[in-house]
Amino acid sequence: MDDIYLFLNTLEKIIYNWLTKRGILFQTQVPMFGISELGSATVDFILTSRNIAIRCMGTYWHSGLEANARDLLGKEKLMEAGYTVVDVWEENLTPGKIDATMELAIQGQEAL
């Protein structure tokens, strides 16, 4: 287990454990496009071999007009950099939904 695991939030740990259990290689908490510049972001998970950026979207940090604008700008910048961006929402990380959600995510698709 990486030292960074200790600093992940609960939702990020769910995704981390799911990917690790299945032997899917990833990087986590990857700073992109600077540190505090407009459009900068820390991407929760990068599946480098698949060029997929997975963003863990908890409702607390990703709700409201300002958050929506920030998230949209970050998504556009990641897509311009060649990544397929998958937003995994908190409500899809429950025991009954996580497997289907993550199977889609590792293929570059979002759960509805």
PDB file of N, CA and C in Angstrom:
ATOM      1  N   MET A   1       0.842  -1.172   0.000  1.00  0.00           N
ATOM      2  CA  MET A   1       0.000   0.000   0.000  1.00  0.00           C
ATOM      3  C   MET A   1       0.889   1.239   0.000  1.00  0.00           C
ATOM      4  N   ASP A   2       0.524   2.210  -0.813  1.00  0.00           N
ATOM      5  CA  ASP A   2       1.295   3.450  -0.908  1.00  0.00           C
ATOM      6  C   ASP A   2       1.089   4.313   0.333  1.00  0.00           C
ATOM      7  N   ASP A   3       2.095   5.138   0.651  1.00  0.00           N
ATOM      8  CA  ASP A   3       1.960   6.079   1.763  1.00  0.00           C
ATOM      9  C   ASP A   3       0.818   7.057   1.522  1.00  0.00           C
ATOM     10  N   ILE A   4       0.564   7.381   0.265  1.00  0.00           N
ATOM     11  CA  ILE A   4      -0.492   8.342  -0.066  1.00  0.00           C
ATOM     12  C   ILE A   4      -1.871   7.846   0.361  1.00  0.00           C
ATOM     13  N   TYR A   5      -2.025   6.543   0.501  1.00  0.00           N
ATOM     14  CA  TYR A   5      -3.313   5.959   0.883  1.00  0.00           C
ATOM     15  C   TYR A   5      -3.845   6.591   2.170  1.00  0.00           C
ATOM     16  N   LEU A   6      -2.954   6.899   3.076  1.00  0.00           N
ATOM     17  CA  LEU A   6      -3.352   7.489   4.357  1.00  0.00           C
ATOM     18  C   LEU A   6      -4.033   8.838   4.177  1.00  0.00           C
ATOM     19  N   PHE A   7      -3.751   9.521   3.070  1.00  0.00           N
ATOM     20  CA  PHE A   7      -4.270  10.866   2.846  1.00  0.00           C
ATOM     21  C   PHE A   7      -5.488  10.894   1.934  1.00  0.00           C
ATOM     22  N   LEU A   8      -5.904   9.744   1.441  1.00  0.00           N
ATOM     23  CA  LEU A   8      -7.079   9.690   0.573  1.00  0.00           C
ATOM     24  C   LEU A   8      -8.353   9.797   1.405  1.00  0.00           C
ATOM     25  N   ASN A   9      -9.394  10.392   0.799  1.00  0.00           N
ATOM     26  CA  ASN A   9     -10.670  10.417   1.506  1.00  0.00           C
ATOM     27  C   ASN A   9     -11.364   9.068   1.332  1.00  0.00           C
ATOM     28  N   THR A  10     -12.490   8.905   1.971  1.00  0.00           N
ATOM     29  CA  THR A  10     -13.190   7.619   1.971  1.00  0.00           C
ATOM     30  C   THR A  10     -13.546   7.163   0.558  1.00  0.00           C
ATOM     31  N   LEU A  11     -14.052   8.059  -0.262  1.00  0.00           N
ATOM     32  CA  LEU A  11     -14.443   7.694  -1.629  1.00  0.00           C
ATOM     33  C   LEU A  11     -13.228   7.302  -2.460  1.00  0.00           C
ATOM     34  N   GLU A  12     -12.145   8.046  -2.314  1.00  0.00           N
ATOM     35  CA  GLU A  12     -10.920   7.730  -3.048  1.00  0.00           C
ATOM     36  C   GLU A  12     -10.365   6.364  -2.620  1.00  0.00           C
ATOM     37  N   LYS A  13     -10.486   6.046  -1.346  1.00  0.00           N
ATOM     38  CA  LYS A  13     -10.016   4.740  -0.864  1.00  0.00           C
ATOM     39  C   LYS A  13     -10.837   3.604  -1.474  1.00  0.00           C
ATOM     40  N   ILE A  14     -12.115   3.821  -1.678  1.00  0.00           N
ATOM     41  CA  ILE A  14     -12.958   2.800  -2.316  1.00  0.00           C
ATOM     42  C   ILE A  14     -12.443   2.514  -3.722  1.00  0.00           C
ATOM     43  N   ILE A  15     -12.174   3.554  -4.484  1.00  0.00           N
ATOM     44  CA  ILE A  15     -11.673   3.380  -5.854  1.00  0.00           C
ATOM     45  C   ILE A  15     -10.268   2.783  -5.835  1.00  0.00           C
ATOM     46  N   TYR A  16      -9.408   3.285  -4.972  1.00  0.00           N
ATOM     47  CA  TYR A  16      -8.043   2.764  -4.833  1.00  0.00           C
ATOM     48  C   TYR A  16      -8.080   1.260  -4.583  1.00  0.00           C
ATOM     49  N   ASN A  17      -8.881   0.842  -3.618  1.00  0.00           N
ATOM     50  CA  ASN A  17      -8.962  -0.582  -3.278  1.00  0.00           C
ATOM     51  C   ASN A  17      -9.528  -1.402  -4.427  1.00  0.00           C
ATOM     52  N   TRP A  18     -10.524  -0.872  -5.130  1.00  0.00           N
ATOM     53  CA  TRP A  18     -11.134  -1.588  -6.244  1.00  0.00           C
ATOM     54  C   TRP A  18     -10.103  -1.811  -7.348  1.00  0.00           C
ATOM     55  N   LEU A  19      -9.374  -0.768  -7.709  1.00  0.00           N
ATOM     56  CA  LEU A  19      -8.359  -0.878  -8.764  1.00  0.00           C
ATOM     57  C   LEU A  19      -7.223  -1.810  -8.349  1.00  0.00           C
ATOM     58  N   THR A  20      -6.758  -1.663  -7.108  1.00  0.00           N
ATOM     59  CA  THR A  20      -5.643  -2.471  -6.612  1.00  0.00           C
ATOM     60  C   THR A  20      -6.011  -3.952  -6.580  1.00  0.00           C
ATOM     61  N   LYS A  21      -7.205  -4.254  -6.104  1.00  0.00           N
ATOM     62  CA  LYS A  21      -7.663  -5.645  -6.008  1.00  0.00           C
ATOM     63  C   LYS A  21      -7.663  -6.332  -7.363  1.00  0.00           C
ATOM     64  N   ARG A  22      -7.884  -5.559  -8.423  1.00  0.00           N
ATOM     65  CA  ARG A  22      -7.957  -6.120  -9.772  1.00  0.00           C
ATOM     66  C   ARG A  22      -6.640  -5.983 -10.548  1.00  0.00           C
ATOM     67  N   GLY A  23      -5.610  -5.496  -9.888  1.00  0.00           N
ATOM     68  CA  GLY A  23      -4.297  -5.390 -10.513  1.00  0.00           C
ATOM     69  C   GLY A  23      -4.209  -4.343 -11.606  1.00  0.00           C
ATOM     70  N   ILE A  24      -5.068  -3.343 -11.547  1.00  0.00           N
ATOM     71  CA  ILE A  24      -5.057  -2.275 -12.548  1.00  0.00           C
ATOM     72  C   ILE A  24      -4.063  -1.216 -12.100  1.00  0.00           C
ATOM     73  N   LEU A  25      -3.088  -0.935 -12.943  1.00  0.00           N
ATOM     74  CA  LEU A  25      -2.047   0.030 -12.607  1.00  0.00           C
ATOM     75  C   LEU A  25      -2.591   1.447 -12.730  1.00  0.00           C
ATOM     76  N   PHE A  26      -2.221   2.294 -11.762  1.00  0.00           N
ATOM     77  CA  PHE A  26      -2.696   3.671 -11.760  1.00  0.00           C
ATOM     78  C   PHE A  26      -1.737   4.553 -10.974  1.00  0.00           C
ATOM     79  N   GLN A  27      -1.883   5.832 -11.183  1.00  0.00           N
ATOM     80  CA  GLN A  27      -1.246   6.842 -10.344  1.00  0.00           C
ATOM     81  C   GLN A  27      -2.379   7.543  -9.622  1.00  0.00           C
ATOM     82  N   THR A  28      -2.114   8.021  -8.424  1.00  0.00           N
ATOM     83  CA  THR A  28      -3.149   8.723  -7.688  1.00  0.00           C
ATOM     84  C   THR A  28      -2.653  10.079  -7.209  1.00  0.00           C
ATOM     85  N   GLN A  29      -3.608  11.019  -7.095  1.00  0.00           N
ATOM     86  CA  GLN A  29      -3.346  12.384  -6.646  1.00  0.00           C
ATOM     87  C   GLN A  29      -2.266  13.050  -7.503  1.00  0.00           C
ATOM     88  N   VAL A  30      -2.515  13.082  -8.806  1.00  0.00           N
ATOM     89  CA  VAL A  30      -1.563  13.597  -9.781  1.00  0.00           C
ATOM     90  C   VAL A  30      -1.852  15.077 -10.058  1.00  0.00           C
ATOM     91  N   PRO A  31      -0.919  15.988  -9.700  1.00  0.00           N
ATOM     92  CA  PRO A  31      -1.144  17.408 -10.001  1.00  0.00           C
ATOM     93  C   PRO A  31      -1.023  17.644 -11.505  1.00  0.00           C
ATOM     94  N   MET A  32      -1.965  18.417 -12.045  1.00  0.00           N
ATOM     95  CA  MET A  32      -1.973  18.695 -13.485  1.00  0.00           C
ATOM     96  C   MET A  32      -2.130  20.199 -13.708  1.00  0.00           C
ATOM     97  N   PHE A  33      -1.405  20.706 -14.671  1.00  0.00           N
ATOM     98  CA  PHE A  33      -1.566  22.089 -15.135  1.00  0.00           C
ATOM     99  C   PHE A  33      -1.238  23.110 -14.060  1.00  0.00           C
ATOM    100  N   GLY A  34      -0.205  22.861 -13.279  1.00  0.00           N
ATOM    101  CA  GLY A  34       0.206  23.809 -12.250  1.00  0.00           C
ATOM    102  C   GLY A  34      -0.419  23.462 -10.906  1.00  0.00           C
ATOM    103  N   ILE A  35      -0.201  24.343  -9.951  1.00  0.00           N
ATOM    104  CA  ILE A  35      -0.696  24.100  -8.602  1.00  0.00           C
ATOM    105  C   ILE A  35      -1.906  24.977  -8.284  1.00  0.00           C
ATOM    106  N   SER A  36      -1.812  26.261  -8.515  1.00  0.00           N
ATOM    107  CA  SER A  36      -2.920  27.142  -8.142  1.00  0.00           C
ATOM    108  C   SER A  36      -3.446  27.962  -9.317  1.00  0.00           C
ATOM    109  N   GLU A  37      -2.983  27.667 -10.534  1.00  0.00           N
ATOM    110  CA  GLU A  37      -3.442  28.388 -11.701  1.00  0.00           C
ATOM    111  C   GLU A  37      -4.886  28.008 -12.032  1.00  0.00           C
ATOM    112  N   LEU A  38      -5.588  28.898 -12.717  1.00  0.00           N
ATOM    113  CA  LEU A  38      -6.942  28.611 -13.156  1.00  0.00           C
ATOM    114  C   LEU A  38      -6.914  27.374 -14.048  1.00  0.00           C
ATOM    115  N   GLY A  39      -7.705  26.401 -13.728  1.00  0.00           N
ATOM    116  CA  GLY A  39      -7.736  25.162 -14.497  1.00  0.00           C
ATOM    117  C   GLY A  39      -6.804  24.092 -13.971  1.00  0.00           C
ATOM    118  N   SER A  40      -5.991  24.436 -12.950  1.00  0.00           N
ATOM    119  CA  SER A  40      -5.121  23.409 -12.372  1.00  0.00           C
ATOM    120  C   SER A  40      -5.998  22.438 -11.586  1.00  0.00           C
ATOM    121  N   ALA A  41      -5.498  21.243 -11.433  1.00  0.00           N
ATOM    122  CA  ALA A  41      -6.289  20.229 -10.733  1.00  0.00           C
ATOM    123  C   ALA A  41      -5.359  19.143 -10.225  1.00  0.00           C
ATOM    124  N   THR A  42      -5.814  18.459  -9.208  1.00  0.00           N
ATOM    125  CA  THR A  42      -5.175  17.229  -8.784  1.00  0.00           C
ATOM    126  C   THR A  42      -6.124  16.117  -9.190  1.00  0.00           C
ATOM    127  N   VAL A  43      -5.664  15.284 -10.101  1.00  0.00           N
ATOM    128  CA  VAL A  43      -6.516  14.212 -10.618  1.00  0.00           C
ATOM    129  C   VAL A  43      -6.426  13.036  -9.653  1.00  0.00           C
ATOM    130  N   ASP A  44      -7.588  12.527  -9.283  1.00  0.00           N
ATOM    131  CA  ASP A  44      -7.629  11.469  -8.287  1.00  0.00           C
ATOM    132  C   ASP A  44      -6.929  10.203  -8.765  1.00  0.00           C
ATOM    133  N   PHE A  45      -7.211   9.774 -10.007  1.00  0.00           N
ATOM    134  CA  PHE A  45      -6.605   8.553 -10.537  1.00  0.00           C
ATOM    135  C   PHE A  45      -6.332   8.717 -12.022  1.00  0.00           C
ATOM    136  N   ILE A  46      -5.129   8.314 -12.436  1.00  0.00           N
ATOM    137  CA  ILE A  46      -4.773   8.261 -13.846  1.00  0.00           C
ATOM    138  C   ILE A  46      -4.447   6.811 -14.176  1.00  0.00           C
ATOM    139  N   LEU A  47      -5.189   6.253 -15.120  1.00  0.00           N
ATOM    140  CA  LEU A  47      -4.870   4.924 -15.639  1.00  0.00           C
ATOM    141  C   LEU A  47      -3.996   5.168 -16.860  1.00  0.00           C
ATOM    142  N   THR A  48      -2.685   5.193 -16.653  1.00  0.00           N
ATOM    143  CA  THR A  48      -1.760   5.649 -17.686  1.00  0.00           C
ATOM    144  C   THR A  48      -1.789   4.777 -18.934  1.00  0.00           C
ATOM    145  N   SER A  49      -1.929   3.480 -18.763  1.00  0.00           N
ATOM    146  CA  SER A  49      -1.916   2.604 -19.943  1.00  0.00           C
ATOM    147  C   SER A  49      -3.177   2.772 -20.790  1.00  0.00           C
ATOM    148  N   ARG A  50      -4.213   3.350 -20.192  1.00  0.00           N
ATOM    149  CA  ARG A  50      -5.481   3.538 -20.907  1.00  0.00           C
ATOM    150  C   ARG A  50      -5.765   5.001 -21.199  1.00  0.00           C
ATOM    151  N   ASN A  51      -4.908   5.900 -20.686  1.00  0.00           N
ATOM    152  CA  ASN A  51      -5.085   7.343 -20.866  1.00  0.00           C
ATOM    153  C   ASN A  51      -6.442   7.821 -20.334  1.00  0.00           C
ATOM    154  N   ILE A  52      -6.830   7.284 -19.178  1.00  0.00           N
ATOM    155  CA  ILE A  52      -8.099   7.624 -18.548  1.00  0.00           C
ATOM    156  C   ILE A  52      -7.814   8.357 -17.237  1.00  0.00           C
ATOM    157  N   ALA A  53      -8.495   9.480 -17.054  1.00  0.00           N
ATOM    158  CA  ALA A  53      -8.448  10.229 -15.801  1.00  0.00           C
ATOM    159  C   ALA A  53      -9.765   9.993 -15.079  1.00  0.00           C
ATOM    160  N   ILE A  54      -9.689   9.439 -13.872  1.00  0.00           N
ATOM    161  CA  ILE A  54     -10.887   9.204 -13.076  1.00  0.00           C
ATOM    162  C   ILE A  54     -10.931  10.242 -11.965  1.00  0.00           C
ATOM    163  N   ARG A  55     -12.040  10.972 -11.951  1.00  0.00           N
ATOM    164  CA  ARG A  55     -12.234  11.985 -10.915  1.00  0.00           C
ATOM    165  C   ARG A  55     -13.324  11.500  -9.961  1.00  0.00           C
ATOM    166  N   CYS A  56     -12.995  11.468  -8.694  1.00  0.00           N
ATOM    167  CA  CYS A  56     -13.920  11.039  -7.651  1.00  0.00           C
ATOM    168  C   CYS A  56     -14.740  12.257  -7.235  1.00  0.00           C
ATOM    169  N   MET A  57     -16.051  12.193  -7.466  1.00  0.00           N
ATOM    170  CA  MET A  57     -16.904  13.363  -7.309  1.00  0.00           C
ATOM    171  C   MET A  57     -17.827  13.220  -6.098  1.00  0.00           C
ATOM    172  N   GLY A  58     -17.380  13.698  -4.967  1.00  0.00           N
ATOM    173  CA  GLY A  58     -18.225  13.735  -3.779  1.00  0.00           C
ATOM    174  C   GLY A  58     -19.138  14.952  -3.860  1.00  0.00           C
ATOM    175  N   THR A  59     -20.330  14.821  -3.339  1.00  0.00           N
ATOM    176  CA  THR A  59     -21.299  15.911  -3.465  1.00  0.00           C
ATOM    177  C   THR A  59     -20.888  17.166  -2.695  1.00  0.00           C
ATOM    178  N   TYR A  60     -20.148  17.030  -1.622  1.00  0.00           N
ATOM    179  CA  TYR A  60     -19.736  18.201  -0.845  1.00  0.00           C
ATOM    180  C   TYR A  60     -18.853  19.134  -1.668  1.00  0.00           C
ATOM    181  N   TRP A  61     -17.843  18.598  -2.346  1.00  0.00           N
ATOM    182  CA  TRP A  61     -16.873  19.421  -3.076  1.00  0.00           C
ATOM    183  C   TRP A  61     -17.280  19.693  -4.518  1.00  0.00           C
ATOM    184  N   HIS A  62     -18.249  18.976  -5.021  1.00  0.00           N
ATOM    185  CA  HIS A  62     -18.553  19.084  -6.448  1.00  0.00           C
ATOM    186  C   HIS A  62     -20.008  19.454  -6.715  1.00  0.00           C
ATOM    187  N   SER A  63     -20.567  20.273  -5.840  1.00  0.00           N
ATOM    188  CA  SER A  63     -21.934  20.765  -6.035  1.00  0.00           C
ATOM    189  C   SER A  63     -21.913  22.289  -6.048  1.00  0.00           C
ATOM    190  N   GLY A  64     -22.818  22.861  -6.794  1.00  0.00           N
ATOM    191  CA  GLY A  64     -22.933  24.319  -6.850  1.00  0.00           C
ATOM    192  C   GLY A  64     -22.319  24.892  -8.106  1.00  0.00           C
ATOM    193  N   LEU A  65     -22.659  26.124  -8.386  1.00  0.00           N
ATOM    194  CA  LEU A  65     -22.247  26.792  -9.619  1.00  0.00           C
ATOM    195  C   LEU A  65     -20.731  26.921  -9.749  1.00  0.00           C
ATOM    196  N   GLU A  66     -20.069  27.362  -8.677  1.00  0.00           N
ATOM    197  CA  GLU A  66     -18.613  27.538  -8.731  1.00  0.00           C
ATOM    198  C   GLU A  66     -17.904  26.202  -8.934  1.00  0.00           C
ATOM    199  N   ALA A  67     -18.345  25.184  -8.209  1.00  0.00           N
ATOM    200  CA  ALA A  67     -17.744  23.861  -8.342  1.00  0.00           C
ATOM    201  C   ALA A  67     -17.981  23.297  -9.737  1.00  0.00           C
ATOM    202  N   ASN A  68     -19.186  23.487 -10.267  1.00  0.00           N
ATOM    203  CA  ASN A  68     -19.490  22.993 -11.614  1.00  0.00           C
ATOM    204  C   ASN A  68     -18.598  23.652 -12.655  1.00  0.00           C
ATOM    205  N   ALA A  69     -18.396  24.972 -12.523  1.00  0.00           N
ATOM    206  CA  ALA A  69     -17.525  25.694 -13.462  1.00  0.00           C
ATOM    207  C   ALA A  69     -16.087  25.195 -13.349  1.00  0.00           C
ATOM    208  N   ARG A  70     -15.603  25.038 -12.125  1.00  0.00           N
ATOM    209  CA  ARG A  70     -14.232  24.548 -11.900  1.00  0.00           C
ATOM    210  C   ARG A  70     -14.066  23.138 -12.481  1.00  0.00           C
ATOM    211  N   ASP A  71     -15.049  22.272 -12.234  1.00  0.00           N
ATOM    212  CA  ASP A  71     -14.969  20.898 -12.721  1.00  0.00           C
ATOM    213  C   ASP A  71     -15.015  20.838 -14.247  1.00  0.00           C
ATOM    214  N   LEU A  72     -15.846  21.677 -14.849  1.00  0.00           N
ATOM    215  CA  LEU A  72     -15.944  21.704 -16.312  1.00  0.00           C
ATOM    216  C   LEU A  72     -14.633  22.165 -16.933  1.00  0.00           C
ATOM    217  N   LEU A  73     -14.042  23.212 -16.377  1.00  0.00           N
ATOM    218  CA  LEU A  73     -12.763  23.704 -16.894  1.00  0.00           C
ATOM    219  C   LEU A  73     -11.687  22.628 -16.763  1.00  0.00           C
ATOM    220  N   GLY A  74     -11.641  21.969 -15.615  1.00  0.00           N
ATOM    221  CA  GLY A  74     -10.660  20.896 -15.420  1.00  0.00           C
ATOM    222  C   GLY A  74     -10.861  19.757 -16.402  1.00  0.00           C
ATOM    223  N   LYS A  75     -12.111  19.400 -16.647  1.00  0.00           N
ATOM    224  CA  LYS A  75     -12.412  18.318 -17.589  1.00  0.00           C
ATOM    225  C   LYS A  75     -11.981  18.696 -18.998  1.00  0.00           C
ATOM    226  N   GLU A  76     -12.266  19.927 -19.397  1.00  0.00           N
ATOM    227  CA  GLU A  76     -11.863  20.384 -20.734  1.00  0.00           C
ATOM    228  C   GLU A  76     -10.351  20.349 -20.900  1.00  0.00           C
ATOM    229  N   LYS A  77      -9.622  20.806 -19.887  1.00  0.00           N
ATOM    230  CA  LYS A  77      -8.159  20.806 -19.977  1.00  0.00           C
ATOM    231  C   LYS A  77      -7.603  19.382 -20.054  1.00  0.00           C
ATOM    232  N   LEU A  78      -8.165  18.476 -19.278  1.00  0.00           N
ATOM    233  CA  LEU A  78      -7.716  17.079 -19.338  1.00  0.00           C
ATOM    234  C   LEU A  78      -8.009  16.469 -20.706  1.00  0.00           C
ATOM    235  N   MET A  79      -9.170  16.781 -21.251  1.00  0.00           N
ATOM    236  CA  MET A  79      -9.515  16.262 -22.577  1.00  0.00           C
ATOM    237  C   MET A  79      -8.591  16.848 -23.641  1.00  0.00           C
ATOM    238  N   GLU A  80      -8.267  18.123 -23.538  1.00  0.00           N
ATOM    239  CA  GLU A  80      -7.324  18.746 -24.474  1.00  0.00           C
ATOM    240  C   GLU A  80      -5.955  18.085 -24.388  1.00  0.00           C
ATOM    241  N   ALA A  81      -5.595  17.595 -23.206  1.00  0.00           N
ATOM    242  CA  ALA A  81      -4.307  16.919 -23.004  1.00  0.00           C
ATOM    243  C   ALA A  81      -4.354  15.459 -23.464  1.00  0.00           C
ATOM    244  N   GLY A  82      -5.518  15.017 -23.967  1.00  0.00           N
ATOM    245  CA  GLY A  82      -5.619  13.680 -24.533  1.00  0.00           C
ATOM    246  C   GLY A  82      -6.199  12.616 -23.617  1.00  0.00           C
ATOM    247  N   TYR A  83      -6.706  13.004 -22.459  1.00  0.00           N
ATOM    248  CA  TYR A  83      -7.288  12.030 -21.538  1.00  0.00           C
ATOM    249  C   TYR A  83      -8.778  11.845 -21.798  1.00  0.00           C
ATOM    250  N   THR A  84      -9.239  10.642 -21.587  1.00  0.00           N
ATOM    251  CA  THR A  84     -10.664  10.379 -21.459  1.00  0.00           C
ATOM    252  C   THR A  84     -10.964  10.616 -19.990  1.00  0.00           C
ATOM    253  N   VAL A  85     -11.918  11.486 -19.701  1.00  0.00           N
ATOM    254  CA  VAL A  85     -12.218  11.866 -18.325  1.00  0.00           C
ATOM    255  C   VAL A  85     -13.500  11.170 -17.876  1.00  0.00           C
ATOM    256  N   VAL A  86     -13.394  10.478 -16.761  1.00  0.00           N
ATOM    257  CA  VAL A  86     -14.541   9.768 -16.192  1.00  0.00           C
ATOM    258  C   VAL A  86     -14.790  10.320 -14.791  1.00  0.00           C
ATOM    259  N   ASP A  87     -15.978  10.867 -14.599  1.00  0.00           N
ATOM    260  CA  ASP A  87     -16.376  11.338 -13.281  1.00  0.00           C
ATOM    261  C   ASP A  87     -17.165  10.228 -12.587  1.00  0.00           C
ATOM    262  N   VAL A  88     -16.660   9.790 -11.454  1.00  0.00           N
ATOM    263  CA  VAL A  88     -17.330   8.751 -10.668  1.00  0.00           C
ATOM    264  C   VAL A  88     -17.957   9.450  -9.467  1.00  0.00           C
ATOM    265  N   TRP A  89     -19.281   9.452  -9.431  1.00  0.00           N
ATOM    266  CA  TRP A  89     -20.016  10.152  -8.387  1.00  0.00           C
ATOM    267  C   TRP A  89     -20.202   9.289  -7.144  1.00  0.00           C
ATOM    268  N   GLU A  90     -20.212   9.962  -6.031  1.00  0.00           N
ATOM    269  CA  GLU A  90     -20.345   9.345  -4.706  1.00  0.00           C
ATOM    270  C   GLU A  90     -21.474   8.325  -4.631  1.00  0.00           C
ATOM    271  N   GLU A  91     -22.625   8.649  -5.192  1.00  0.00           N
ATOM    272  CA  GLU A  91     -23.777   7.739  -5.093  1.00  0.00           C
ATOM    273  C   GLU A  91     -23.580   6.443  -5.876  1.00  0.00           C
ATOM    274  N   ASN A  92     -22.583   6.426  -6.768  1.00  0.00           N
ATOM    275  CA  ASN A  92     -22.296   5.213  -7.537  1.00  0.00           C
ATOM    276  C   ASN A  92     -21.190   4.361  -6.922  1.00  0.00           C
ATOM    277  N   LEU A  93     -20.725   4.743  -5.736  1.00  0.00           N
ATOM    278  CA  LEU A  93     -19.670   3.984  -5.058  1.00  0.00           C
ATOM    279  C   LEU A  93     -20.221   3.170  -3.893  1.00  0.00           C
ATOM    280  N   THR A  94     -21.505   2.892  -3.930  1.00  0.00           N
ATOM    281  CA  THR A  94     -22.131   2.066  -2.906  1.00  0.00           C
ATOM    282  C   THR A  94     -21.921   0.597  -3.262  1.00  0.00           C
ATOM    283  N   PRO A  95     -22.015  -0.299  -2.277  1.00  0.00           N
ATOM    284  CA  PRO A  95     -21.756  -1.718  -2.542  1.00  0.00           C
ATOM    285  C   PRO A  95     -22.545  -2.306  -3.717  1.00  0.00           C
ATOM    286  N   GLY A  96     -23.761  -1.891  -3.919  1.00  0.00           N
ATOM    287  CA  GLY A  96     -24.556  -2.454  -5.011  1.00  0.00           C
ATOM    288  C   GLY A  96     -24.245  -1.889  -6.380  1.00  0.00           C
ATOM    289  N   LYS A  97     -23.482  -0.783  -6.423  1.00  0.00           N
ATOM    290  CA  LYS A  97     -23.220  -0.110  -7.702  1.00  0.00           C
ATOM    291  C   LYS A  97     -21.747  -0.037  -8.096  1.00  0.00           C
ATOM    292  N   ILE A  98     -20.845  -0.222  -7.146  1.00  0.00           N
ATOM    293  CA  ILE A  98     -19.433   0.053  -7.419  1.00  0.00           C
ATOM    294  C   ILE A  98     -18.855  -0.790  -8.548  1.00  0.00           C
ATOM    295  N   ASP A  99     -19.154  -2.074  -8.579  1.00  0.00           N
ATOM    296  CA  ASP A  99     -18.554  -2.924  -9.615  1.00  0.00           C
ATOM    297  C   ASP A  99     -18.968  -2.475 -11.014  1.00  0.00           C
ATOM    298  N   ALA A 100     -20.246  -2.246 -11.229  1.00  0.00           N
ATOM    299  CA  ALA A 100     -20.713  -1.811 -12.547  1.00  0.00           C
ATOM    300  C   ALA A 100     -20.146  -0.440 -12.890  1.00  0.00           C
ATOM    301  N   THR A 101     -20.111   0.459 -11.905  1.00  0.00           N
ATOM    302  CA  THR A 101     -19.580   1.806 -12.121  1.00  0.00           C
ATOM    303  C   THR A 101     -18.117   1.760 -12.515  1.00  0.00           C
ATOM    304  N   MET A 102     -17.320   0.980 -11.785  1.00  0.00           N
ATOM    305  CA  MET A 102     -15.890   0.932 -12.053  1.00  0.00           C
ATOM    306  C   MET A 102     -15.562   0.144 -13.317  1.00  0.00           C
ATOM    307  N   GLU A 103     -16.348  -0.865 -13.639  1.00  0.00           N
ATOM    308  CA  GLU A 103     -16.143  -1.572 -14.909  1.00  0.00           C
ATOM    309  C   GLU A 103     -16.314  -0.600 -16.078  1.00  0.00           C
ATOM    310  N   LEU A 104     -17.314   0.263 -15.988  1.00  0.00           N
ATOM    311  CA  LEU A 104     -17.491   1.294 -17.021  1.00  0.00           C
ATOM    312  C   LEU A 104     -16.326   2.281 -16.999  1.00  0.00           C
ATOM    313  N   ALA A 105     -15.937   2.711 -15.807  1.00  0.00           N
ATOM    314  CA  ALA A 105     -14.880   3.721 -15.667  1.00  0.00           C
ATOM    315  C   ALA A 105     -13.563   3.279 -16.311  1.00  0.00           C
ATOM    316  N   ILE A 106     -13.185   2.027 -16.098  1.00  0.00           N
ATOM    317  CA  ILE A 106     -11.903   1.577 -16.652  1.00  0.00           C
ATOM    318  C   ILE A 106     -11.967   1.398 -18.166  1.00  0.00           C
ATOM    319  N   GLN A 107     -13.176   1.498 -18.720  1.00  0.00           N
ATOM    320  CA  GLN A 107     -13.348   1.490 -20.170  1.00  0.00           C
ATOM    321  C   GLN A 107     -13.549   2.898 -20.711  1.00  0.00           C
ATOM    322  N   GLY A 108     -13.486   3.890 -19.809  1.00  0.00           N
ATOM    323  CA  GLY A 108     -13.626   5.279 -20.234  1.00  0.00           C
ATOM    324  C   GLY A 108     -15.062   5.756 -20.337  1.00  0.00           C
ATOM    325  N   GLN A 109     -15.954   5.096 -19.607  1.00  0.00           N
ATOM    326  CA  GLN A 109     -17.375   5.463 -19.661  1.00  0.00           C
ATOM    327  C   GLN A 109     -17.870   5.794 -18.257  1.00  0.00           C
ATOM    328  N   GLU A 110     -18.871   6.664 -18.201  1.00  0.00           N
ATOM    329  CA  GLU A 110     -19.455   7.063 -16.923  1.00  0.00           C
ATOM    330  C   GLU A 110     -20.766   6.342 -16.673  1.00  0.00           C
ATOM    331  N   ALA A 111     -20.999   6.026 -15.415  1.00  0.00           N
ATOM    332  CA  ALA A 111     -22.296   5.476 -15.016  1.00  0.00           C
ATOM    333  C   ALA A 111     -23.319   6.606 -15.025  1.00  0.00           C
ATOM    334  N   LEU A 112     -24.525   6.285 -15.421  1.00  0.00           N
ATOM    335  CA  LEU A 112     -25.580   7.310 -15.417  1.00  0.00           C
ATOM    336  C   LEU A 112     -26.303   7.352 -14.107  1.00  0.00           C
TER     337      LEU A 112
END
